[in-house]
PDB file of N, CA and C in Angstrom:
ATOM      1  N   ALA A   1      -3.455  -6.136 -21.218  1.00  0.00           N
ATOM      2  CA  ALA A   1      -2.646  -7.417 -21.403  1.00  0.00           C
ATOM      3  C   ALA A   1      -2.047  -7.679 -19.947  1.00  0.00           C
ATOM      4  N   PHE A   2      -1.089  -6.619 -19.491  1.00  0.00           N
ATOM      5  CA  PHE A   2      -0.477  -6.899 -18.154  1.00  0.00           C
ATOM      6  C   PHE A   2      -1.481  -7.209 -16.987  1.00  0.00           C
ATOM      7  N   LYS A   3      -2.490  -6.472 -16.909  1.00  0.00           N
ATOM      8  CA  LYS A   3      -3.347  -6.685 -15.827  1.00  0.00           C
ATOM      9  C   LYS A   3      -4.053  -8.028 -15.847  1.00  0.00           C
ATOM     10  N   GLY A   4      -4.514  -8.458 -17.183  1.00  0.00           N
ATOM     11  CA  GLY A   4      -5.018  -9.766 -17.246  1.00  0.00           C
ATOM     12  C   GLY A   4      -4.040 -10.886 -16.826  1.00  0.00           C
ATOM     13  N   GLN A   5      -2.819 -10.704 -16.978  1.00  0.00           N
ATOM     14  CA  GLN A   5      -1.787 -11.742 -16.610  1.00  0.00           C
ATOM     15  C   GLN A   5      -1.293 -11.579 -15.220  1.00  0.00           C
ATOM     16  N   SER A   6      -1.280 -10.464 -14.658  1.00  0.00           N
ATOM     17  CA  SER A   6      -0.727 -10.231 -13.302  1.00  0.00           C
ATOM     18  C   SER A   6      -1.894  -9.932 -12.359  1.00  0.00           C
ATOM     19  N   GLY A   7      -3.056  -9.500 -12.757  1.00  0.00           N
ATOM     20  CA  GLY A   7      -4.202  -9.124 -11.785  1.00  0.00           C
ATOM     21  C   GLY A   7      -3.977  -7.798 -11.111  1.00  0.00           C
ATOM     22  N   HIS A   8      -3.192  -7.079 -11.635  1.00  0.00           N
ATOM     23  CA  HIS A   8      -2.939  -5.570 -11.266  1.00  0.00           C
ATOM     24  C   HIS A   8      -2.410  -4.727 -12.223  1.00  0.00           C
ATOM     25  N   CYS A   9      -2.371  -3.528 -11.954  1.00  0.00           N
ATOM     26  CA  CYS A   9      -1.821  -2.525 -12.867  1.00  0.00           C
ATOM     27  C   CYS A   9      -0.574  -1.832 -12.395  1.00  0.00           C
ATOM     28  N   ASN A  10       0.093  -2.352 -11.312  1.00  0.00           N
ATOM     29  CA  ASN A  10       1.232  -1.620 -10.601  1.00  0.00           C
ATOM     30  C   ASN A  10       2.420  -2.263 -11.259  1.00  0.00           C
ATOM     31  N   VAL A  11       2.933  -1.736 -12.494  1.00  0.00           N
ATOM     32  CA  VAL A  11       3.957  -2.207 -13.198  1.00  0.00           C
ATOM     33  C   VAL A  11       5.210  -1.477 -12.684  1.00  0.00           C
ATOM     34  N   SER A  12       6.232  -2.167 -12.318  1.00  0.00           N
ATOM     35  CA  SER A  12       7.571  -1.561 -11.812  1.00  0.00           C
ATOM     36  C   SER A  12       8.381  -1.214 -12.919  1.00  0.00           C
ATOM     37  N   GLN A  13       9.123  -0.182 -12.877  1.00  0.00           N
ATOM     38  CA  GLN A  13      10.108   0.341 -13.804  1.00  0.00           C
ATOM     39  C   GLN A  13      11.267  -0.613 -13.827  1.00  0.00           C
ATOM     40  N   ASN A  14      11.418  -1.463 -12.719  1.00  0.00           N
ATOM     41  CA  ASN A  14      12.495  -2.371 -12.667  1.00  0.00           C
ATOM     42  C   ASN A  14      12.291  -3.732 -13.246  1.00  0.00           C
ATOM     43  N   ASP A  15      10.958  -3.970 -13.715  1.00  0.00           N
ATOM     44  CA  ASP A  15      10.457  -5.241 -14.350  1.00  0.00           C
ATOM     45  C   ASP A  15      11.171  -5.300 -15.738  1.00  0.00           C
ATOM     46  N   GLU A  16      12.152  -6.161 -15.813  1.00  0.00           N
ATOM     47  CA  GLU A  16      12.865  -6.337 -17.100  1.00  0.00           C
ATOM     48  C   GLU A  16      11.950  -6.594 -18.232  1.00  0.00           C
ATOM     49  N   ARG A  17      10.979  -7.467 -18.096  1.00  0.00           N
ATOM     50  CA  ARG A  17      10.042  -7.847 -19.165  1.00  0.00           C
ATOM     51  C   ARG A  17       9.200  -6.659 -19.533  1.00  0.00           C
ATOM     52  N   ASN A  18       8.903  -5.795 -18.784  1.00  0.00           N
ATOM     53  CA  ASN A  18       7.978  -4.787 -18.966  1.00  0.00           C
ATOM     54  C   ASN A  18       8.456  -3.318 -18.835  1.00  0.00           C
ATOM     55  N   LYS A  19       9.771  -3.120 -19.120  1.00  0.00           N
ATOM     56  CA  LYS A  19      10.524  -1.839 -18.865  1.00  0.00           C
ATOM     57  C   LYS A  19       9.775  -0.635 -19.388  1.00  0.00           C
ATOM     58  N   SER A  20       9.418  -0.726 -20.768  1.00  0.00           N
ATOM     59  CA  SER A  20       8.737   0.416 -21.495  1.00  0.00           C
ATOM     60  C   SER A  20       7.439   0.608 -20.683  1.00  0.00           C
ATOM     61  N   LEU A  21       6.667  -0.394 -20.331  1.00  0.00           N
ATOM     62  CA  LEU A  21       5.312  -0.243 -19.764  1.00  0.00           C
ATOM     63  C   LEU A  21       5.606   0.343 -18.505  1.00  0.00           C
ATOM     64  N   GLY A  22       6.541   0.030 -17.700  1.00  0.00           N
ATOM     65  CA  GLY A  22       6.890   0.512 -16.289  1.00  0.00           C
ATOM     66  C   GLY A  22       7.230   2.006 -16.467  1.00  0.00           C
ATOM     67  N   ARG A  23       7.982   2.384 -17.473  1.00  0.00           N
ATOM     68  CA  ARG A  23       8.199   3.814 -17.672  1.00  0.00           C
ATOM     69  C   ARG A  23       6.957   4.611 -17.941  1.00  0.00           C
ATOM     70  N   TRP A  24       6.056   4.032 -18.874  1.00  0.00           N
ATOM     71  CA  TRP A  24       4.892   4.735 -19.132  1.00  0.00           C
ATOM     72  C   TRP A  24       3.930   4.711 -17.890  1.00  0.00           C
ATOM     73  N   VAL A  25       3.841   3.819 -17.022  1.00  0.00           N
ATOM     74  CA  VAL A  25       3.190   3.868 -15.772  1.00  0.00           C
ATOM     75  C   VAL A  25       3.695   5.145 -14.984  1.00  0.00           C
ATOM     76  N   SER A  26       5.075   5.153 -14.800  1.00  0.00           N
ATOM     77  CA  SER A  26       5.651   6.074 -14.037  1.00  0.00           C
ATOM     78  C   SER A  26       5.318   7.596 -14.513  1.00  0.00           C
ATOM     79  N   MET A  27       5.311   7.694 -15.876  1.00  0.00           N
ATOM     80  CA  MET A  27       5.140   8.972 -16.456  1.00  0.00           C
ATOM     81  C   MET A  27       3.476   9.341 -16.244  1.00  0.00           C
ATOM     82  N   GLN A  28       2.665   8.407 -16.211  1.00  0.00           N
ATOM     83  CA  GLN A  28       1.139   8.667 -16.077  1.00  0.00           C
ATOM     84  C   GLN A  28       1.068   9.178 -14.575  1.00  0.00           C
ATOM     85  N   ARG A  29       1.816   8.466 -13.668  1.00  0.00           N
ATOM     86  CA  ARG A  29       1.780   8.947 -12.100  1.00  0.00           C
ATOM     87  C   ARG A  29       2.251  10.491 -12.072  1.00  0.00           C
ATOM     88  N   GLU A  30       3.330  10.716 -12.768  1.00  0.00           N
ATOM     89  CA  GLU A  30       3.769  12.008 -12.763  1.00  0.00           C
ATOM     90  C   GLU A  30       2.854  13.079 -13.316  1.00  0.00           C
ATOM     91  N   SER A  31       2.302  12.631 -14.419  1.00  0.00           N
ATOM     92  CA  SER A  31       1.160  13.564 -15.137  1.00  0.00           C
ATOM     93  C   SER A  31       0.087  13.811 -14.121  1.00  0.00           C
ATOM     94  N   TYR A  32      -0.202  12.826 -13.488  1.00  0.00           N
ATOM     95  CA  TYR A  32      -1.364  12.967 -12.479  1.00  0.00           C
ATOM     96  C   TYR A  32      -1.024  13.814 -11.353  1.00  0.00           C
ATOM     97  N   LYS A  33       0.130  13.813 -10.901  1.00  0.00           N
ATOM     98  CA  LYS A  33       0.519  14.630  -9.857  1.00  0.00           C
ATOM     99  C   LYS A  33       0.765  16.161 -10.120  1.00  0.00           C
ATOM    100  N   ARG A  34       0.947  16.269 -11.487  1.00  0.00           N
ATOM    101  CA  ARG A  34       1.036  17.755 -11.941  1.00  0.00           C
ATOM    102  C   ARG A  34      -0.378  18.124 -12.549  1.00  0.00           C
ATOM    103  N   ASN A  35      -1.321  17.156 -12.426  1.00  0.00           N
ATOM    104  CA  ASN A  35      -2.731  17.515 -12.969  1.00  0.00           C
ATOM    105  C   ASN A  35      -2.726  17.772 -14.393  1.00  0.00           C
ATOM    106  N   ASP A  36      -1.986  16.900 -15.203  1.00  0.00           N
ATOM    107  CA  ASP A  36      -1.812  17.029 -16.559  1.00  0.00           C
ATOM    108  C   ASP A  36      -2.498  16.104 -17.358  1.00  0.00           C
ATOM    109  N   LEU A  37      -3.454  15.218 -16.746  1.00  0.00           N
ATOM    110  CA  LEU A  37      -4.068  14.188 -17.426  1.00  0.00           C
ATOM    111  C   LEU A  37      -5.375  14.643 -17.777  1.00  0.00           C
ATOM    112  N   ARG A  38      -5.848  14.373 -19.164  1.00  0.00           N
ATOM    113  CA  ARG A  38      -7.222  14.743 -19.468  1.00  0.00           C
ATOM    114  C   ARG A  38      -8.237  13.941 -18.751  1.00  0.00           C
ATOM    115  N   SER A  39      -9.388  14.374 -18.600  1.00  0.00           N
ATOM    116  CA  SER A  39     -10.504  13.571 -17.786  1.00  0.00           C
ATOM    117  C   SER A  39     -10.725  12.184 -18.331  1.00  0.00           C
ATOM    118  N   ASN A  40     -10.659  12.138 -19.764  1.00  0.00           N
ATOM    119  CA  ASN A  40     -10.964  10.756 -20.195  1.00  0.00           C
ATOM    120  C   ASN A  40      -9.782   9.848 -20.039  1.00  0.00           C
ATOM    121  N   GLN A  41      -8.538  10.299 -19.978  1.00  0.00           N
ATOM    122  CA  GLN A  41      -7.390   9.476 -19.574  1.00  0.00           C
ATOM    123  C   GLN A  41      -7.648   9.068 -18.184  1.00  0.00           C
ATOM    124  N   LEU A  42      -7.942  10.115 -17.405  1.00  0.00           N
ATOM    125  CA  LEU A  42      -8.138   9.680 -15.871  1.00  0.00           C
ATOM    126  C   LEU A  42      -9.099   8.663 -15.700  1.00  0.00           C
ATOM    127  N   GLN A  43     -10.214   8.777 -16.327  1.00  0.00           N
ATOM    128  CA  GLN A  43     -11.406   7.951 -16.197  1.00  0.00           C
ATOM    129  C   GLN A  43     -10.890   6.485 -16.560  1.00  0.00           C
ATOM    130  N   ARG A  44     -10.269   6.317 -17.877  1.00  0.00           N
ATOM    131  CA  ARG A  44      -9.944   5.082 -18.432  1.00  0.00           C
ATOM    132  C   ARG A  44      -8.977   4.395 -17.484  1.00  0.00           C
ATOM    133  N   LEU A  45      -7.938   5.109 -16.937  1.00  0.00           N
ATOM    134  CA  LEU A  45      -7.089   4.401 -15.973  1.00  0.00           C
ATOM    135  C   LEU A  45      -7.748   4.126 -14.653  1.00  0.00           C
ATOM    136  N   ASN A  46      -8.471   5.008 -14.151  1.00  0.00           N
ATOM    137  CA  ASN A  46      -9.222   4.554 -12.967  1.00  0.00           C
ATOM    138  C   ASN A  46     -10.185   3.406 -13.131  1.00  0.00           C
ATOM    139  N   SER A  47     -10.709   3.283 -14.363  1.00  0.00           N
ATOM    140  CA  SER A  47     -11.596   2.040 -14.578  1.00  0.00           C
ATOM    141  C   SER A  47     -10.974   0.735 -14.526  1.00  0.00           C
ATOM    142  N   ILE A  48      -9.654   0.758 -14.794  1.00  0.00           N
ATOM    143  CA  ILE A  48      -8.978  -0.579 -14.731  1.00  0.00           C
ATOM    144  C   ILE A  48      -8.350  -0.763 -13.390  1.00  0.00           C
ATOM    145  N   GLY A  49      -8.416   0.220 -12.466  1.00  0.00           N
ATOM    146  CA  GLY A  49      -7.738   0.057 -11.078  1.00  0.00           C
ATOM    147  C   GLY A  49      -6.410   0.459 -11.056  1.00  0.00           C
ATOM    148  N   PHE A  50      -6.088   1.558 -11.867  1.00  0.00           N
ATOM    149  CA  PHE A  50      -4.692   2.015 -11.884  1.00  0.00           C
ATOM    150  C   PHE A  50      -4.266   2.494 -10.486  1.00  0.00           C
ATOM    151  N   VAL A  51      -3.096   2.244 -10.122  1.00  0.00           N
ATOM    152  CA  VAL A  51      -2.585   2.614  -8.763  1.00  0.00           C
ATOM    153  C   VAL A  51      -1.850   3.923  -9.052  1.00  0.00           C
ATOM    154  N   TRP A  52      -2.340   4.938  -8.379  1.00  0.00           N
ATOM    155  CA  TRP A  52      -1.668   6.228  -8.431  1.00  0.00           C
ATOM    156  C   TRP A  52      -0.588   6.481  -7.586  1.00  0.00           C
ATOM    157  N   ASP A  53      -0.576   5.978  -6.429  1.00  0.00           N
ATOM    158  CA  ASP A  53       0.516   6.116  -5.491  1.00  0.00           C
ATOM    159  C   ASP A  53       0.769   4.706  -4.818  1.00  0.00           C
ATOM    160  N   PRO A  54       1.716   3.987  -5.356  1.00  0.00           N
ATOM    161  CA  PRO A  54       2.085   2.548  -5.026  1.00  0.00           C
ATOM    162  C   PRO A  54       2.281   2.345  -3.393  1.00  0.00           C
ATOM    163  N   LEU A  55       2.983   3.422  -2.892  1.00  0.00           N
ATOM    164  CA  LEU A  55       3.498   3.245  -1.433  1.00  0.00           C
ATOM    165  C   LEU A  55       2.048   3.442  -0.676  1.00  0.00           C
ATOM    166  N   ASP A  56       1.175   4.304  -0.944  1.00  0.00           N
ATOM    167  CA  ASP A  56      -0.068   4.389  -0.164  1.00  0.00           C
ATOM    168  C   ASP A  56      -0.869   3.259  -0.531  1.00  0.00           C
ATOM    169  N   HIS A  57      -0.974   2.713  -1.634  1.00  0.00           N
ATOM    170  CA  HIS A  57      -1.703   1.514  -1.958  1.00  0.00           C
ATOM    171  C   HIS A  57      -1.205   0.302  -1.099  1.00  0.00           C
ATOM    172  N   SER A  58       0.100   0.100  -1.023  1.00  0.00           N
ATOM    173  CA  SER A  58       0.756  -0.889  -0.272  1.00  0.00           C
ATOM    174  C   SER A  58       0.235  -0.738   1.198  1.00  0.00           C
ATOM    175  N   TRP A  59       0.374   0.517   1.797  1.00  0.00           N
ATOM    176  CA  TRP A  59       0.079   0.760   3.102  1.00  0.00           C
ATOM    177  C   TRP A  59      -1.373   0.416   3.481  1.00  0.00           C
ATOM    178  N   ASN A  60      -2.342   0.788   2.615  1.00  0.00           N
ATOM    179  CA  ASN A  60      -3.773   0.549   2.681  1.00  0.00           C
ATOM    180  C   ASN A  60      -4.078  -1.091   2.592  1.00  0.00           C
ATOM    181  N   GLU A  61      -3.398  -1.822   1.675  1.00  0.00           N
ATOM    182  CA  GLU A  61      -3.462  -3.231   1.642  1.00  0.00           C
ATOM    183  C   GLU A  61      -2.977  -3.828   2.952  1.00  0.00           C
ATOM    184  N   HIS A  62      -1.852  -3.426   3.550  1.00  0.00           N
ATOM    185  CA  HIS A  62      -1.540  -4.089   4.904  1.00  0.00           C
ATOM    186  C   HIS A  62      -2.429  -3.746   5.905  1.00  0.00           C
ATOM    187  N   PHE A  63      -2.878  -2.299   5.897  1.00  0.00           N
ATOM    188  CA  PHE A  63      -3.959  -1.983   6.952  1.00  0.00           C
ATOM    189  C   PHE A  63      -5.103  -2.907   6.895  1.00  0.00           C
ATOM    190  N   ASP A  64      -5.598  -3.138   5.697  1.00  0.00           N
ATOM    191  CA  ASP A  64      -6.720  -4.075   5.621  1.00  0.00           C
ATOM    192  C   ASP A  64      -6.432  -5.455   6.043  1.00  0.00           C
ATOM    193  N   GLN A  65      -5.202  -6.048   5.881  1.00  0.00           N
ATOM    194  CA  GLN A  65      -4.784  -7.258   6.307  1.00  0.00           C
ATOM    195  C   GLN A  65      -4.731  -7.216   7.921  1.00  0.00           C
ATOM    196  N   LEU A  66      -4.387  -6.012   8.544  1.00  0.00           N
ATOM    197  CA  LEU A  66      -4.369  -5.877   9.872  1.00  0.00           C
ATOM    198  C   LEU A  66      -5.736  -6.020  10.510  1.00  0.00           C
ATOM    199  N   CYS A  67      -6.654  -5.252   9.769  1.00  0.00           N
ATOM    200  CA  CYS A  67      -8.056  -5.358  10.245  1.00  0.00           C
ATOM    201  C   CYS A  67      -8.635  -6.768  10.229  1.00  0.00           C
ATOM    202  N   ALA A  68      -8.267  -7.467   9.169  1.00  0.00           N
ATOM    203  CA  ALA A  68      -8.688  -8.936   9.027  1.00  0.00           C
ATOM    204  C   ALA A  68      -8.085  -9.718  10.173  1.00  0.00           C
ATOM    205  N   PHE A  69      -6.968  -9.402  10.462  1.00  0.00           N
ATOM    206  CA  PHE A  69      -6.149 -10.140  11.540  1.00  0.00           C
ATOM    207  C   PHE A  69      -6.753  -9.773  12.901  1.00  0.00           C
ATOM    208  N   LYS A  70      -7.151  -8.675  13.089  1.00  0.00           N
ATOM    209  CA  LYS A  70      -7.756  -8.248  14.427  1.00  0.00           C
ATOM    210  C   LYS A  70      -9.248  -8.798  14.581  1.00  0.00           C
ATOM    211  N   ALA A  71      -9.923  -8.905  13.385  1.00  0.00           N
ATOM    212  CA  ALA A  71     -11.223  -9.502  13.405  1.00  0.00           C
ATOM    213  C   ALA A  71     -11.105 -11.022  13.817  1.00  0.00           C
ATOM    214  N   LYS A  72     -10.096 -11.580  13.354  1.00  0.00           N
ATOM    215  CA  LYS A  72      -9.986 -13.039  13.714  1.00  0.00           C
ATOM    216  C   LYS A  72      -9.326 -13.323  15.022  1.00  0.00           C
ATOM    217  N   ASN A  73      -8.374 -12.373  15.414  1.00  0.00           N
ATOM    218  CA  ASN A  73      -7.552 -12.772  16.666  1.00  0.00           C
ATOM    219  C   ASN A  73      -8.020 -11.771  17.868  1.00  0.00           C
ATOM    220  N   GLY A  74      -8.721 -10.780  17.635  1.00  0.00           N
ATOM    221  CA  GLY A  74      -9.076  -9.883  18.608  1.00  0.00           C
ATOM    222  C   GLY A  74      -8.146  -8.783  19.179  1.00  0.00           C
ATOM    223  N   HIS A  75      -7.018  -8.793  18.471  1.00  0.00           N
ATOM    224  CA  HIS A  75      -5.883  -7.699  18.782  1.00  0.00           C
ATOM    225  C   HIS A  75      -5.075  -7.463  17.417  1.00  0.00           C
ATOM    226  N   CYS A  76      -4.299  -6.482  17.558  1.00  0.00           N
ATOM    227  CA  CYS A  76      -3.389  -5.958  16.403  1.00  0.00           C
ATOM    228  C   CYS A  76      -1.943  -6.355  16.519  1.00  0.00           C
ATOM    229  N   ASP A  77      -1.594  -7.229  17.685  1.00  0.00           N
ATOM    230  CA  ASP A  77      -0.236  -7.312  17.897  1.00  0.00           C
ATOM    231  C   ASP A  77       0.403  -8.569  17.121  1.00  0.00           C
ATOM    232  N   VAL A  78       0.668  -8.257  15.765  1.00  0.00           N
ATOM    233  CA  VAL A  78       1.155  -9.433  15.018  1.00  0.00           C
ATOM    234  C   VAL A  78       2.655  -9.494  15.165  1.00  0.00           C
ATOM    235  N   SER A  79       3.148 -10.561  15.690  1.00  0.00           N
ATOM    236  CA  SER A  79       4.663 -10.787  15.813  1.00  0.00           C
ATOM    237  C   SER A  79       5.309 -10.959  14.588  1.00  0.00           C
ATOM    238  N   ARG A  80       6.512 -10.352  14.582  1.00  0.00           N
ATOM    239  CA  ARG A  80       7.475 -10.576  13.463  1.00  0.00           C
ATOM    240  C   ARG A  80       7.859 -11.978  13.206  1.00  0.00           C
ATOM    241  N   ASN A  81       7.699 -12.929  14.211  1.00  0.00           N
ATOM    242  CA  ASN A  81       8.053 -14.193  14.076  1.00  0.00           C
ATOM    243  C   ASN A  81       6.924 -15.219  13.787  1.00  0.00           C
ATOM    244  N   ASP A  82       5.670 -14.392  13.593  1.00  0.00           N
ATOM    245  CA  ASP A  82       4.557 -15.287  13.265  1.00  0.00           C
ATOM    246  C   ASP A  82       4.616 -15.743  11.788  1.00  0.00           C
ATOM    247  N   VAL A  83       4.865 -17.022  11.543  1.00  0.00           N
ATOM    248  CA  VAL A  83       5.244 -17.682  10.340  1.00  0.00           C
ATOM    249  C   VAL A  83       3.993 -17.445   9.250  1.00  0.00           C
ATOM    250  N   ARG A  84       2.870 -17.472   9.817  1.00  0.00           N
ATOM    251  CA  ARG A  84       1.757 -17.356   9.022  1.00  0.00           C
ATOM    252  C   ARG A  84       1.421 -15.867   8.450  1.00  0.00           C
ATOM    253  N   ASN A  85       1.961 -14.944   9.296  1.00  0.00           N
ATOM    254  CA  ASN A  85       1.858 -13.495   8.943  1.00  0.00           C
ATOM    255  C   ASN A  85       3.004 -12.785   8.969  1.00  0.00           C
ATOM    256  N   LYS A  86       4.081 -13.274   8.339  1.00  0.00           N
ATOM    257  CA  LYS A  86       5.463 -12.780   8.383  1.00  0.00           C
ATOM    258  C   LYS A  86       5.467 -11.279   7.830  1.00  0.00           C
ATOM    259  N   SER A  87       4.921 -11.229   6.618  1.00  0.00           N
ATOM    260  CA  SER A  87       4.882  -9.884   5.905  1.00  0.00           C
ATOM    261  C   SER A  87       4.108  -8.820   6.810  1.00  0.00           C
ATOM    262  N   LEU A  88       2.923  -9.195   7.372  1.00  0.00           N
ATOM    263  CA  LEU A  88       2.177  -8.330   8.160  1.00  0.00           C
ATOM    264  C   LEU A  88       2.937  -8.005   9.379  1.00  0.00           C
ATOM    265  N   GLY A  89       3.595  -8.977  10.097  1.00  0.00           N
ATOM    266  CA  GLY A  89       4.434  -8.726  11.222  1.00  0.00           C
ATOM    267  C   GLY A  89       5.338  -7.763  11.007  1.00  0.00           C
ATOM    268  N   ARG A  90       6.240  -7.839   9.865  1.00  0.00           N
ATOM    269  CA  ARG A  90       7.209  -6.795   9.542  1.00  0.00           C
ATOM    270  C   ARG A  90       6.521  -5.476   9.342  1.00  0.00           C
ATOM    271  N   TRP A  91       5.387  -5.388   8.715  1.00  0.00           N
ATOM    272  CA  TRP A  91       4.749  -4.161   8.511  1.00  0.00           C
ATOM    273  C   TRP A  91       4.356  -3.411   9.885  1.00  0.00           C
ATOM    274  N   VAL A  92       3.807  -4.355  10.753  1.00  0.00           N
ATOM    275  CA  VAL A  92       3.355  -3.854  12.025  1.00  0.00           C
ATOM    276  C   VAL A  92       4.567  -3.083  12.741  1.00  0.00           C
ATOM    277  N   SER A  93       5.802  -3.852  12.761  1.00  0.00           N
ATOM    278  CA  SER A  93       6.941  -3.419  13.367  1.00  0.00           C
ATOM    279  C   SER A  93       7.354  -2.105  12.793  1.00  0.00           C
ATOM    280  N   MET A  94       7.314  -1.984  11.420  1.00  0.00           N
ATOM    281  CA  MET A  94       7.700  -0.693  10.741  1.00  0.00           C
ATOM    282  C   MET A  94       6.795   0.361  11.138  1.00  0.00           C
ATOM    283  N   GLN A  95       5.485   0.128  11.309  1.00  0.00           N
ATOM    284  CA  GLN A  95       4.612   1.083  11.734  1.00  0.00           C
ATOM    285  C   GLN A  95       5.065   1.719  13.142  1.00  0.00           C
ATOM    286  N   ARG A  96       5.429   0.858  13.986  1.00  0.00           N
ATOM    287  CA  ARG A  96       5.835   1.243  15.383  1.00  0.00           C
ATOM    288  C   ARG A  96       7.162   1.947  15.255  1.00  0.00           C
ATOM    289  N   GLU A  97       8.055   1.604  14.381  1.00  0.00           N
ATOM    290  CA  GLU A  97       9.397   2.298  14.269  1.00  0.00           C
ATOM    291  C   GLU A  97       9.079   3.722  13.700  1.00  0.00           C
ATOM    292  N   SER A  98       8.160   3.760  12.651  1.00  0.00           N
ATOM    293  CA  SER A  98       7.836   5.034  12.048  1.00  0.00           C
ATOM    294  C   SER A  98       7.158   6.012  13.040  1.00  0.00           C
ATOM    295  N   TYR A  99       6.345   5.506  13.969  1.00  0.00           N
ATOM    296  CA  TYR A  99       5.607   6.124  14.967  1.00  0.00           C
ATOM    297  C   TYR A  99       6.719   6.797  15.931  1.00  0.00           C
ATOM    298  N   LYS A 100       7.642   5.990  16.290  1.00  0.00           N
ATOM    299  CA  LYS A 100       8.678   6.564  17.152  1.00  0.00           C
ATOM    300  C   LYS A 100       9.519   7.632  16.618  1.00  0.00           C
ATOM    301  N   ARG A 101       9.801   7.529  15.286  1.00  0.00           N
ATOM    302  CA  ARG A 101      10.590   8.624  14.583  1.00  0.00           C
ATOM    303  C   ARG A 101       9.602   9.821  14.109  1.00  0.00           C
ATOM    304  N   ASN A 102       8.297   9.609  14.555  1.00  0.00           N
ATOM    305  CA  ASN A 102       7.468  10.718  14.172  1.00  0.00           C
ATOM    306  C   ASN A 102       7.302  10.814  12.582  1.00  0.00           C
ATOM    307  N   ASP A 103       7.283   9.630  11.992  1.00  0.00           N
ATOM    308  CA  ASP A 103       7.283   9.607  10.402  1.00  0.00           C
ATOM    309  C   ASP A 103       5.935   9.171   9.905  1.00  0.00           C
ATOM    310  N   LEU A 104       5.028   8.764  10.781  1.00  0.00           N
ATOM    311  CA  LEU A 104       3.677   8.413  10.108  1.00  0.00           C
ATOM    312  C   LEU A 104       2.825   9.665   9.818  1.00  0.00           C
ATOM    313  N   ARG A 105       2.158   9.587   8.733  1.00  0.00           N
ATOM    314  CA  ARG A 105       1.158  10.584   8.405  1.00  0.00           C
ATOM    315  C   ARG A 105       0.038  10.672   9.317  1.00  0.00           C
ATOM    316  N   SER A 106      -0.642  11.857   9.443  1.00  0.00           N
ATOM    317  CA  SER A 106      -1.580  11.844  10.454  1.00  0.00           C
ATOM    318  C   SER A 106      -2.768  10.922  10.257  1.00  0.00           C
ATOM    319  N   ASN A 107      -3.155  10.805   8.900  1.00  0.00           N
ATOM    320  CA  ASN A 107      -4.315   9.891   8.631  1.00  0.00           C
ATOM    321  C   ASN A 107      -3.945   8.472   8.921  1.00  0.00           C
ATOM    322  N   GLN A 108      -2.586   8.060   8.770  1.00  0.00           N
ATOM    323  CA  GLN A 108      -2.258   6.681   8.973  1.00  0.00           C
ATOM    324  C   GLN A 108      -2.260   6.541  10.579  1.00  0.00           C
ATOM    325  N   LEU A 109      -1.788   7.502  11.292  1.00  0.00           N
ATOM    326  CA  LEU A 109      -1.881   7.322  12.911  1.00  0.00           C
ATOM    327  C   LEU A 109      -3.344   7.202  13.283  1.00  0.00           C
ATOM    328  N   GLN A 110      -4.216   8.042  12.710  1.00  0.00           N
ATOM    329  CA  GLN A 110      -5.496   7.934  13.105  1.00  0.00           C
ATOM    330  C   GLN A 110      -6.234   6.597  12.786  1.00  0.00           C
ATOM    331  N   ARG A 111      -6.027   6.226  11.564  1.00  0.00           N
ATOM    332  CA  ARG A 111      -6.550   4.831  11.169  1.00  0.00           C
ATOM    333  C   ARG A 111      -6.045   3.737  12.143  1.00  0.00           C
ATOM    334  N   LEU A 112      -4.799   3.796  12.397  1.00  0.00           N
ATOM    335  CA  LEU A 112      -4.143   2.774  13.289  1.00  0.00           C
ATOM    336  C   LEU A 112      -4.815   2.811  14.633  1.00  0.00           C
ATOM    337  N   ASN A 113      -4.915   4.043  15.237  1.00  0.00           N
ATOM    338  CA  ASN A 113      -5.435   4.315  16.487  1.00  0.00           C
ATOM    339  C   ASN A 113      -6.926   3.968  16.511  1.00  0.00           C
ATOM    340  N   SER A 114      -7.646   4.109  15.460  1.00  0.00           N
ATOM    341  CA  SER A 114      -9.032   3.797  15.446  1.00  0.00           C
ATOM    342  C   SER A 114      -9.298   2.289  15.544  1.00  0.00           C
ATOM    343  N   ILE A 115      -8.330   1.405  15.305  1.00  0.00           N
ATOM    344  CA  ILE A 115      -8.693  -0.107  15.414  1.00  0.00           C
ATOM    345  C   ILE A 115      -7.929  -0.544  16.660  1.00  0.00           C
ATOM    346  N   GLY A 116      -7.340   0.395  17.513  1.00  0.00           N
ATOM    347  CA  GLY A 116      -6.817  -0.167  18.866  1.00  0.00           C
ATOM    348  C   GLY A 116      -5.436  -0.591  18.607  1.00  0.00           C
ATOM    349  N   PHE A 117      -4.714   0.002  17.705  1.00  0.00           N
ATOM    350  CA  PHE A 117      -3.301  -0.488  17.575  1.00  0.00           C
ATOM    351  C   PHE A 117      -2.525  -0.098  18.840  1.00  0.00           C
ATOM    352  N   VAL A 118      -1.728  -0.939  19.197  1.00  0.00           N
ATOM    353  CA  VAL A 118      -0.784  -0.785  20.320  1.00  0.00           C
ATOM    354  C   VAL A 118       0.698  -0.529  19.951  1.00  0.00           C
ATOM    355  N   TRP A 119       1.029   0.785  20.224  1.00  0.00           N
ATOM    356  CA  TRP A 119       2.323   1.308  19.796  1.00  0.00           C
ATOM    357  C   TRP A 119       3.429   0.817  20.614  1.00  0.00           C
ATOM    358  N   ASP A 120       3.248   0.291  21.899  1.00  0.00           N
ATOM    359  CA  ASP A 120       4.414  -0.180  22.581  1.00  0.00           C
ATOM    360  C   ASP A 120       3.949  -1.341  23.251  1.00  0.00           C
ATOM    361  N   PRO A 121       4.091  -2.668  22.582  1.00  0.00           N
ATOM    362  CA  PRO A 121       3.590  -3.688  23.175  1.00  0.00           C
ATOM    363  C   PRO A 121       4.619  -4.335  24.233  1.00  0.00           C
ATOM    364  N   LEU A 122       4.021  -5.086  25.185  1.00  0.00           N
ATOM    365  CA  LEU A 122       5.017  -5.578  26.183  1.00  0.00           C
ATOM    366  C   LEU A 122       6.091  -6.619  25.754  1.00  0.00           C
TER     367      LEU A 122
END
């Protein structure tokens, strides 16, 4: 029912209208991390597009948006002031800050480098 209404399975524990469902989703993610889910449970959750790692999922969605931006504009330098791409511009800026702090995971760094991401724009 939640996915049908919202279009996704990423229920927040902070969602007042779906607090118990949010807790259940969190428990499924914890069980997954501990490898405690039965294969049929895992298959059923995967079949509906269950998001196991919301932060990783969000990063991948932004990366896909950046790839689309580059395909359209020929570069990855999204300005934080770009009204049409405000969220993506903030994300690009956050990646640069994470890079400076050496906080990016190696796979994220490799993926950004693979599309010609500029770490220190002029």
